[in-house]
């Protein structure tokens, strides 16, 4: 995808980064695992926007503007705060065999 950016995680994994559902004050940052969408390892975090658009309920951010505004340090912080998109096979984290 042309709208993707690359991010290298702390373990060396090279994630694809995409901006989705931009609103007026935030946008979802999706980290796509290199194993593909079927690997169920993608992650997401919310980026809070503080520009003038954030004060307008009818405003909407542009994906490319959000992508440009996120610095490498901010992207690293978003990754650390990110959550799995998929609950996986054990969503309640119960011990296997319980």
Protein backbone atom coordinates (compact mmCIF):
# COMPACT_ATOMS: atom_id res chain seq x y z
CA UNK A 1 0.00 0.00 0.00
CA UNK A 2 1.24 3.45 -0.87
CA UNK A 3 -0.20 4.89 2.35
CA UNK A 4 2.01 2.68 4.53
CA UNK A 5 5.09 3.56 6.49
CA UNK A 6 7.55 1.13 8.00
CA UNK A 7 8.30 0.78 11.70
CA UNK A 8 10.90 -1.55 13.20
CA UNK A 9 9.80 -2.90 16.56
CA UNK A 10 12.10 -3.48 19.54
CA UNK A 11 12.57 -7.13 18.54
CA UNK A 12 13.52 -6.23 14.95
CA UNK A 13 10.13 -7.02 13.42
CA UNK A 14 9.36 -4.69 10.51
CA UNK A 15 5.74 -3.55 10.83
CA UNK A 16 3.70 -1.70 8.21
CA UNK A 17 1.98 1.37 9.66
CA UNK A 18 -1.33 2.68 8.36
CA UNK A 19 -3.70 5.46 9.48
CA UNK A 20 -7.38 4.49 9.67
CA UNK A 21 -10.64 6.13 10.76
CA UNK A 22 -9.38 9.69 11.15
CA UNK A 23 -11.77 11.87 13.10
CA UNK A 24 -11.49 15.48 14.13
CA UNK A 25 -9.32 14.87 17.21
CA UNK A 26 -7.81 11.40 16.79
CA UNK A 27 -6.90 8.67 14.33
CA UNK A 28 -6.31 4.95 14.62
CA UNK A 29 -2.73 3.89 13.94
CA UNK A 30 -2.61 0.27 12.75
CA UNK A 31 0.58 -1.78 12.93
CA UNK A 32 0.42 -4.57 10.33
CA UNK A 33 2.53 -7.63 11.19
CA UNK A 34 4.71 -8.87 8.30
CA UNK A 35 3.02 -12.29 8.59
CA UNK A 36 -0.02 -10.85 6.84
CA UNK A 37 -3.53 -10.06 7.96
CA UNK A 38 -4.33 -13.72 8.51
CA UNK A 39 -1.58 -14.02 11.13
CA UNK A 40 -3.86 -12.16 13.60
CA UNK A 41 -0.87 -10.30 15.02
CA UNK A 42 -1.80 -6.76 13.88
CA UNK A 43 -1.96 -4.10 16.58
CA UNK A 44 -3.54 -0.65 16.96
CA UNK A 45 -3.31 2.50 19.04
CA UNK A 46 -5.04 5.89 19.01
CA UNK A 47 -3.10 9.04 18.11
CA UNK A 48 -4.53 12.19 19.70
CA UNK A 49 -4.49 15.25 17.43
CA UNK A 50 -4.03 18.72 18.91
CA UNK A 51 -4.34 20.87 15.79
CA UNK A 52 -7.18 23.29 14.97
CA UNK A 53 -9.28 20.43 13.53
CA UNK A 54 -9.58 18.98 17.04
CA UNK A 55 -11.74 21.93 18.09
CA UNK A 56 -14.29 21.41 15.32
CA UNK A 57 -16.85 18.62 15.66
CA UNK A 58 -17.40 18.69 11.90
CA UNK A 59 -13.70 18.70 11.05
CA UNK A 60 -11.86 15.66 9.78
CA UNK A 61 -8.18 14.88 9.65
CA UNK A 62 -6.42 13.79 6.49
CA UNK A 63 -4.62 10.44 6.74
CA UNK A 64 -1.49 11.78 5.03
CA UNK A 65 -1.31 14.77 7.41
CA UNK A 66 -1.51 12.48 10.44
CA UNK A 67 1.15 10.17 9.00
CA UNK A 68 3.51 13.10 8.38
CA UNK A 69 2.92 14.53 11.86
CA UNK A 70 3.82 11.35 13.75
CA UNK A 71 7.51 11.47 14.59
CA UNK A 72 9.60 8.30 14.97
CA UNK A 73 9.59 8.81 18.76
CA UNK A 74 5.80 9.20 18.80
CA UNK A 75 5.44 6.11 16.62
CA UNK A 76 7.59 4.13 19.05
CA UNK A 77 5.43 5.29 21.97
CA UNK A 78 2.24 4.39 20.08
CA UNK A 79 3.64 0.91 19.41
CA UNK A 80 4.43 0.39 23.09
CA UNK A 81 0.87 1.40 23.98
CA UNK A 82 -0.73 -0.59 21.17
CA UNK A 83 -3.18 -3.45 21.64
CA UNK A 84 -3.85 -6.55 19.56
CA UNK A 85 -6.65 -6.13 17.02
CA UNK A 86 -7.59 -9.77 17.38
CA UNK A 87 -8.39 -11.38 20.71
CA UNK A 88 -6.56 -14.49 19.52
CA UNK A 89 -7.42 -18.00 20.59
CA UNK A 90 -7.37 -17.23 24.33
CA UNK A 91 -9.09 -13.82 24.75
CA UNK A 92 -9.51 -14.02 28.53
CA UNK A 93 -5.92 -15.15 29.07
CA UNK A 94 -7.10 -18.18 31.01
CA UNK A 95 -4.45 -20.84 31.66
CA UNK A 96 -4.58 -23.54 29.04
CA UNK A 97 -6.20 -26.67 30.47
CA UNK A 98 -8.10 -24.83 33.21
